[in-house]
Amino acid sequence: MKKLVVKVDLHDDRDRSKAMRVVSGFGGIGSLAMESKVNKLTVSGDFDPVKVVNKLRKSWHTEIVSVGAAKEDDGKKDEGKKEEGKKDDKVANLVKAYQAYYPMPVTYYCLPPEETPSCVIC
């Protein structure tokens, strides 16, 4: 998870919505927030910050305020991750058991031998 805070020189609501639309088009964007008073755009998720800033700089004057790892909440998310981890382990064990009981069929392909050309023009 990465967090990017950028100051973008936006003049009106139309520019703000256009900037939000441009950034939200990238894959891996988790959350997107805009502070309209100070024109700061906060983006977090699994994305490439360089691509986001370059795309914004094509249309508006952009200054990078900070780039770094996103901070997680104190312990609330950790507990959820532990529970999800347990569920993932259970699912992984079930998948392994299923694959052991019902193995994937092996498919063989027979290819005809290549024919040697009888006439070669040089």
N, C-alpha and C. Protein backbone atom coordinates (compact mmCIF):
# COMPACT_ATOMS: atom_id res chain seq x y z
N MET A 1 0.84 -1.18 0.00
CA MET A 1 0.00 0.00 0.00
C MET A 1 0.89 1.24 0.00
N LYS A 2 0.60 2.15 -0.89
CA LYS A 2 1.34 3.41 -0.99
C LYS A 2 0.37 4.56 -0.78
N LYS A 3 0.92 5.66 -0.32
CA LYS A 3 0.12 6.87 -0.14
C LYS A 3 0.84 8.01 -0.82
N LEU A 4 0.12 8.75 -1.64
CA LEU A 4 0.66 9.87 -2.39
C LEU A 4 -0.17 11.10 -2.09
N VAL A 5 0.49 12.18 -1.68
CA VAL A 5 -0.18 13.45 -1.45
C VAL A 5 0.41 14.44 -2.43
N VAL A 6 -0.45 15.04 -3.26
CA VAL A 6 -0.03 15.93 -4.33
C VAL A 6 -0.82 17.22 -4.24
N LYS A 7 -0.13 18.34 -4.46
CA LYS A 7 -0.82 19.63 -4.53
C LYS A 7 -0.99 19.96 -6.01
N VAL A 8 -2.24 20.10 -6.44
CA VAL A 8 -2.56 20.32 -7.84
C VAL A 8 -3.20 21.69 -7.96
N ASP A 9 -2.76 22.46 -8.96
CA ASP A 9 -3.28 23.82 -9.18
C ASP A 9 -4.58 23.72 -9.99
N LEU A 10 -5.72 23.64 -9.28
CA LEU A 10 -7.03 23.52 -9.90
C LEU A 10 -7.79 24.82 -9.71
N HIS A 11 -8.50 25.24 -10.75
CA HIS A 11 -9.17 26.54 -10.71
C HIS A 11 -10.65 26.47 -10.36
N ASP A 12 -11.32 25.41 -10.74
CA ASP A 12 -12.75 25.33 -10.49
C ASP A 12 -13.17 23.88 -10.26
N ASP A 13 -14.47 23.68 -10.05
CA ASP A 13 -15.01 22.35 -9.77
C ASP A 13 -14.84 21.41 -10.96
N ARG A 14 -14.90 21.97 -12.15
CA ARG A 14 -14.75 21.14 -13.35
C ARG A 14 -13.34 20.53 -13.40
N ASP A 15 -12.32 21.33 -13.11
CA ASP A 15 -10.95 20.81 -13.08
C ASP A 15 -10.79 19.77 -11.98
N ARG A 16 -11.40 20.02 -10.84
CA ARG A 16 -11.29 19.08 -9.73
C ARG A 16 -11.91 17.73 -10.09
N SER A 17 -13.08 17.74 -10.68
CA SER A 17 -13.72 16.48 -11.04
C SER A 17 -12.94 15.78 -12.16
N LYS A 18 -12.36 16.56 -13.06
CA LYS A 18 -11.58 15.96 -14.14
C LYS A 18 -10.31 15.30 -13.59
N ALA A 19 -9.65 15.95 -12.63
CA ALA A 19 -8.46 15.38 -12.01
C ALA A 19 -8.81 14.10 -11.25
N MET A 20 -9.91 14.11 -10.53
CA MET A 20 -10.33 12.91 -9.81
C MET A 20 -10.63 11.77 -10.79
N ARG A 21 -11.26 12.09 -11.92
CA ARG A 21 -11.59 11.08 -12.91
C ARG A 21 -10.31 10.51 -13.54
N VAL A 22 -9.32 11.38 -13.81
CA VAL A 22 -8.06 10.92 -14.41
C VAL A 22 -7.34 9.97 -13.47
N VAL A 23 -7.25 10.33 -12.19
CA VAL A 23 -6.53 9.50 -11.23
C VAL A 23 -7.29 8.21 -10.94
N SER A 24 -8.60 8.26 -10.89
CA SER A 24 -9.36 7.05 -10.58
C SER A 24 -9.31 6.04 -11.71
N GLY A 25 -8.87 6.45 -12.89
CA GLY A 25 -8.76 5.54 -14.02
C GLY A 25 -7.60 4.57 -13.91
N PHE A 26 -6.63 4.84 -13.03
CA PHE A 26 -5.49 3.95 -12.86
C PHE A 26 -5.90 2.71 -12.07
N GLY A 27 -5.26 1.59 -12.37
CA GLY A 27 -5.53 0.36 -11.65
C GLY A 27 -4.84 0.35 -10.30
N GLY A 28 -5.47 -0.22 -9.30
CA GLY A 28 -4.87 -0.36 -7.99
C GLY A 28 -5.15 0.79 -7.04
N ILE A 29 -5.96 1.75 -7.44
CA ILE A 29 -6.28 2.88 -6.57
C ILE A 29 -7.26 2.40 -5.51
N GLY A 30 -6.86 2.53 -4.23
CA GLY A 30 -7.72 2.09 -3.13
C GLY A 30 -8.67 3.18 -2.69
N SER A 31 -8.14 4.37 -2.42
CA SER A 31 -8.98 5.50 -2.02
C SER A 31 -8.43 6.77 -2.62
N LEU A 32 -9.33 7.73 -2.76
CA LEU A 32 -9.01 8.99 -3.40
C LEU A 32 -9.73 10.09 -2.64
N ALA A 33 -8.98 11.10 -2.16
CA ALA A 33 -9.59 12.18 -1.39
C ALA A 33 -9.03 13.51 -1.88
N MET A 34 -9.88 14.53 -1.88
CA MET A 34 -9.48 15.85 -2.35
C MET A 34 -9.83 16.89 -1.31
N GLU A 35 -8.84 17.66 -0.87
CA GLU A 35 -9.07 18.80 0.02
C GLU A 35 -9.14 20.03 -0.87
N SER A 36 -10.35 20.53 -1.07
CA SER A 36 -10.54 21.60 -2.05
C SER A 36 -9.97 22.95 -1.60
N LYS A 37 -9.88 23.18 -0.29
CA LYS A 37 -9.38 24.48 0.18
C LYS A 37 -7.90 24.66 -0.12
N VAL A 38 -7.14 23.60 0.05
CA VAL A 38 -5.69 23.68 -0.18
C VAL A 38 -5.28 22.96 -1.47
N ASN A 39 -6.23 22.43 -2.22
CA ASN A 39 -6.00 21.72 -3.48
C ASN A 39 -5.02 20.56 -3.33
N LYS A 40 -5.19 19.78 -2.28
CA LYS A 40 -4.36 18.60 -2.07
C LYS A 40 -5.16 17.36 -2.44
N LEU A 41 -4.52 16.52 -3.22
CA LEU A 41 -5.12 15.26 -3.65
C LEU A 41 -4.37 14.13 -2.96
N THR A 42 -5.10 13.28 -2.23
CA THR A 42 -4.51 12.16 -1.51
C THR A 42 -4.97 10.86 -2.16
N VAL A 43 -3.99 10.06 -2.60
CA VAL A 43 -4.28 8.81 -3.28
C VAL A 43 -3.60 7.70 -2.50
N SER A 44 -4.32 6.60 -2.25
CA SER A 44 -3.71 5.46 -1.59
C SER A 44 -4.15 4.17 -2.26
N GLY A 45 -3.26 3.18 -2.21
CA GLY A 45 -3.53 1.89 -2.83
C GLY A 45 -2.26 1.30 -3.39
N ASP A 46 -2.41 0.29 -4.22
CA ASP A 46 -1.28 -0.34 -4.90
C ASP A 46 -1.21 0.21 -6.32
N PHE A 47 -0.43 1.24 -6.53
CA PHE A 47 -0.33 1.90 -7.82
C PHE A 47 1.08 2.44 -8.00
N ASP A 48 1.38 2.96 -9.18
CA ASP A 48 2.68 3.56 -9.47
C ASP A 48 2.54 5.08 -9.33
N PRO A 49 3.15 5.68 -8.30
CA PRO A 49 3.02 7.13 -8.08
C PRO A 49 3.59 7.96 -9.22
N VAL A 50 4.61 7.47 -9.89
CA VAL A 50 5.23 8.21 -10.98
C VAL A 50 4.24 8.40 -12.13
N LYS A 51 3.52 7.34 -12.47
CA LYS A 51 2.55 7.42 -13.55
C LYS A 51 1.42 8.39 -13.21
N VAL A 52 0.97 8.35 -11.96
CA VAL A 52 -0.12 9.25 -11.54
C VAL A 52 0.32 10.70 -11.63
N VAL A 53 1.52 11.01 -11.13
CA VAL A 53 2.00 12.40 -11.14
C VAL A 53 2.24 12.86 -12.58
N ASN A 54 2.81 12.00 -13.41
CA ASN A 54 3.03 12.38 -14.81
C ASN A 54 1.73 12.68 -15.53
N LYS A 55 0.71 11.89 -15.27
CA LYS A 55 -0.59 12.11 -15.91
C LYS A 55 -1.21 13.43 -15.45
N LEU A 56 -1.06 13.75 -14.15
CA LEU A 56 -1.59 15.02 -13.64
C LEU A 56 -0.81 16.20 -14.19
N ARG A 57 0.50 16.04 -14.35
CA ARG A 57 1.34 17.14 -14.84
C ARG A 57 1.07 17.47 -16.30
N LYS A 58 0.47 16.57 -17.04
CA LYS A 58 0.13 16.86 -18.43
C LYS A 58 -0.93 17.95 -18.54
N SER A 59 -1.77 18.06 -17.52
CA SER A 59 -2.87 19.02 -17.58
C SER A 59 -2.78 20.15 -16.56
N TRP A 60 -2.15 19.92 -15.41
CA TRP A 60 -2.12 20.93 -14.36
C TRP A 60 -0.74 21.01 -13.73
N HIS A 61 -0.43 22.16 -13.12
CA HIS A 61 0.80 22.31 -12.36
C HIS A 61 0.66 21.46 -11.11
N THR A 62 1.63 20.56 -10.90
CA THR A 62 1.52 19.58 -9.82
C THR A 62 2.79 19.58 -8.99
N GLU A 63 2.64 19.60 -7.66
CA GLU A 63 3.76 19.50 -6.73
C GLU A 63 3.54 18.29 -5.84
N ILE A 64 4.59 17.49 -5.67
CA ILE A 64 4.50 16.32 -4.80
C ILE A 64 4.75 16.77 -3.37
N VAL A 65 3.80 16.51 -2.49
CA VAL A 65 3.93 16.85 -1.07
C VAL A 65 4.60 15.69 -0.33
N SER A 66 4.11 14.47 -0.52
CA SER A 66 4.72 13.32 0.13
C SER A 66 4.36 12.04 -0.62
N VAL A 67 5.29 11.09 -0.55
CA VAL A 67 5.09 9.76 -1.11
C VAL A 67 5.64 8.78 -0.09
N GLY A 68 4.88 7.74 0.20
CA GLY A 68 5.37 6.75 1.16
C GLY A 68 4.39 5.63 1.35
N ALA A 69 4.71 4.80 2.31
CA ALA A 69 3.83 3.68 2.63
C ALA A 69 2.62 4.20 3.41
N ALA A 70 1.47 3.62 3.13
CA ALA A 70 0.25 4.01 3.83
C ALA A 70 0.28 3.45 5.24
N LYS A 71 -0.12 4.26 6.21
CA LYS A 71 -0.16 3.81 7.60
C LYS A 71 -1.46 3.07 7.83
N GLU A 72 -1.36 1.97 8.58
CA GLU A 72 -2.55 1.21 8.92
C GLU A 72 -3.06 1.68 10.28
N ASP A 73 -4.34 1.40 10.55
CA ASP A 73 -4.90 1.74 11.85
C ASP A 73 -4.23 0.91 12.94
N ASP A 74 -4.39 1.32 14.19
CA ASP A 74 -3.66 0.72 15.31
C ASP A 74 -3.74 -0.79 15.35
N GLY A 75 -4.89 -1.36 15.49
CA GLY A 75 -4.96 -2.80 15.59
C GLY A 75 -6.21 -3.35 14.94
N LYS A 76 -7.06 -2.49 14.49
CA LYS A 76 -8.33 -2.92 13.95
C LYS A 76 -8.15 -3.72 12.67
N LYS A 77 -7.27 -3.25 11.79
CA LYS A 77 -7.06 -3.96 10.53
C LYS A 77 -6.26 -5.23 10.75
N ASP A 78 -5.35 -5.23 11.72
CA ASP A 78 -4.54 -6.42 11.98
C ASP A 78 -5.40 -7.59 12.40
N GLU A 79 -6.39 -7.34 13.26
CA GLU A 79 -7.28 -8.41 13.69
C GLU A 79 -8.06 -8.97 12.51
N GLY A 80 -8.52 -8.09 11.64
CA GLY A 80 -9.25 -8.54 10.46
C GLY A 80 -8.36 -9.35 9.54
N LYS A 81 -7.11 -8.94 9.41
CA LYS A 81 -6.18 -9.67 8.55
C LYS A 81 -5.88 -11.04 9.12
N LYS A 82 -5.79 -11.14 10.45
CA LYS A 82 -5.52 -12.44 11.07
C LYS A 82 -6.68 -13.39 10.80
N GLU A 83 -7.91 -12.87 10.93
CA GLU A 83 -9.08 -13.71 10.66
C GLU A 83 -9.13 -14.11 9.19
N GLU A 84 -8.80 -13.16 8.30
CA GLU A 84 -8.79 -13.47 6.88
C GLU A 84 -7.69 -14.48 6.58
N GLY A 85 -6.56 -14.35 7.27
CA GLY A 85 -5.46 -15.29 7.08
C GLY A 85 -5.88 -16.70 7.47
N LYS A 86 -6.65 -16.81 8.56
CA LYS A 86 -7.13 -18.13 8.99
C LYS A 86 -8.08 -18.70 7.95
N LYS A 87 -8.95 -17.85 7.41
CA LYS A 87 -9.89 -18.30 6.39
C LYS A 87 -9.13 -18.72 5.13
N ASP A 88 -8.11 -17.93 4.76
CA ASP A 88 -7.32 -18.28 3.59
C ASP A 88 -6.60 -19.60 3.78
N ASP A 89 -6.09 -19.85 5.00
CA ASP A 89 -5.43 -21.12 5.28
C ASP A 89 -6.40 -22.29 5.14
N LYS A 90 -7.63 -22.10 5.65
CA LYS A 90 -8.63 -23.16 5.55
C LYS A 90 -8.97 -23.43 4.09
N VAL A 91 -9.14 -22.36 3.33
CA VAL A 91 -9.47 -22.52 1.91
C VAL A 91 -8.31 -23.18 1.17
N ALA A 92 -7.08 -22.78 1.49
CA ALA A 92 -5.92 -23.37 0.83
C ALA A 92 -5.82 -24.87 1.15
N ASN A 93 -6.10 -25.24 2.40
CA ASN A 93 -6.08 -26.65 2.77
C ASN A 93 -7.16 -27.44 2.03
N LEU A 94 -8.34 -26.86 1.89
CA LEU A 94 -9.41 -27.52 1.15
C LEU A 94 -9.05 -27.70 -0.32
N VAL A 95 -8.43 -26.69 -0.89
CA VAL A 95 -8.03 -26.77 -2.30
C VAL A 95 -6.99 -27.86 -2.49
N LYS A 96 -6.01 -27.93 -1.58
CA LYS A 96 -4.99 -28.97 -1.68
C LYS A 96 -5.61 -30.36 -1.55
N ALA A 97 -6.55 -30.51 -0.63
CA ALA A 97 -7.20 -31.81 -0.45
C ALA A 97 -8.00 -32.17 -1.69
N TYR A 98 -8.68 -31.22 -2.28
CA TYR A 98 -9.47 -31.47 -3.48
C TYR A 98 -8.58 -31.89 -4.64
N GLN A 99 -7.45 -31.17 -4.79
CA GLN A 99 -6.53 -31.50 -5.88
C GLN A 99 -5.89 -32.86 -5.67
N ALA A 100 -5.65 -33.25 -4.43
CA ALA A 100 -5.07 -34.57 -4.17
C ALA A 100 -6.09 -35.67 -4.47
N TYR A 101 -7.36 -35.43 -4.17
CA TYR A 101 -8.39 -36.44 -4.38
C TYR A 101 -8.81 -36.51 -5.84
N TYR A 102 -8.93 -35.35 -6.50
CA TYR A 102 -9.31 -35.27 -7.91
C TYR A 102 -8.16 -34.65 -8.69
N PRO A 103 -7.17 -35.44 -9.07
CA PRO A 103 -6.03 -34.86 -9.79
C PRO A 103 -6.45 -34.34 -11.17
N MET A 104 -5.71 -33.37 -11.65
CA MET A 104 -5.99 -32.81 -12.96
C MET A 104 -5.65 -33.85 -14.02
N PRO A 105 -6.51 -34.04 -15.03
CA PRO A 105 -6.21 -35.02 -16.07
C PRO A 105 -5.02 -34.55 -16.91
N VAL A 106 -4.22 -35.50 -17.32
CA VAL A 106 -3.06 -35.21 -18.15
C VAL A 106 -3.49 -35.31 -19.60
N THR A 107 -3.21 -34.29 -20.37
CA THR A 107 -3.58 -34.27 -21.77
C THR A 107 -2.32 -34.43 -22.61
N TYR A 108 -2.34 -35.40 -23.50
CA TYR A 108 -1.21 -35.64 -24.40
C TYR A 108 -1.59 -35.20 -25.80
N TYR A 109 -0.67 -34.54 -26.45
CA TYR A 109 -0.89 -34.10 -27.83
C TYR A 109 0.10 -34.83 -28.72
N CYS A 110 -0.39 -35.43 -29.77
CA CYS A 110 0.45 -36.12 -30.74
C CYS A 110 0.60 -35.24 -31.97
N LEU A 111 1.83 -34.89 -32.27
CA LEU A 111 2.09 -34.07 -33.43
C LEU A 111 2.68 -34.95 -34.52
N PRO A 112 2.25 -34.76 -35.77
CA PRO A 112 2.82 -35.56 -36.86
C PRO A 112 4.27 -35.16 -37.09
N PRO A 113 5.09 -36.09 -37.51
CA PRO A 113 6.49 -35.74 -37.77
C PRO A 113 6.58 -34.77 -38.94
N GLU A 114 7.57 -33.91 -38.89
CA GLU A 114 7.73 -32.93 -39.96
C GLU A 114 8.19 -33.64 -41.23
N GLU A 115 7.62 -33.25 -42.33
CA GLU A 115 7.99 -33.85 -43.60
C GLU A 115 9.22 -33.15 -44.14
N THR A 116 10.14 -33.90 -44.67
CA THR A 116 11.32 -33.31 -45.27
C THR A 116 10.98 -32.92 -46.71
N PRO A 117 11.38 -31.74 -47.10
CA PRO A 117 11.05 -31.33 -48.47
C PRO A 117 11.84 -32.16 -49.48
N SER A 118 11.16 -32.57 -50.56
CA SER A 118 11.80 -33.40 -51.56
C SER A 118 12.52 -32.56 -52.61
N CYS A 119 12.12 -31.29 -52.74
CA CYS A 119 12.72 -30.43 -53.75
C CYS A 119 13.09 -29.10 -53.10
N VAL A 120 14.37 -28.75 -53.21
CA VAL A 120 14.83 -27.51 -52.63
C VAL A 120 15.36 -26.63 -53.74
N ILE A 121 14.87 -25.40 -53.85
CA ILE A 121 15.35 -24.47 -54.87
C ILE A 121 16.30 -23.50 -54.18
N CYS A 122 17.50 -23.43 -54.67
CA CYS A 122 18.51 -22.55 -54.05
C CYS A 122 18.69 -21.28 -54.81
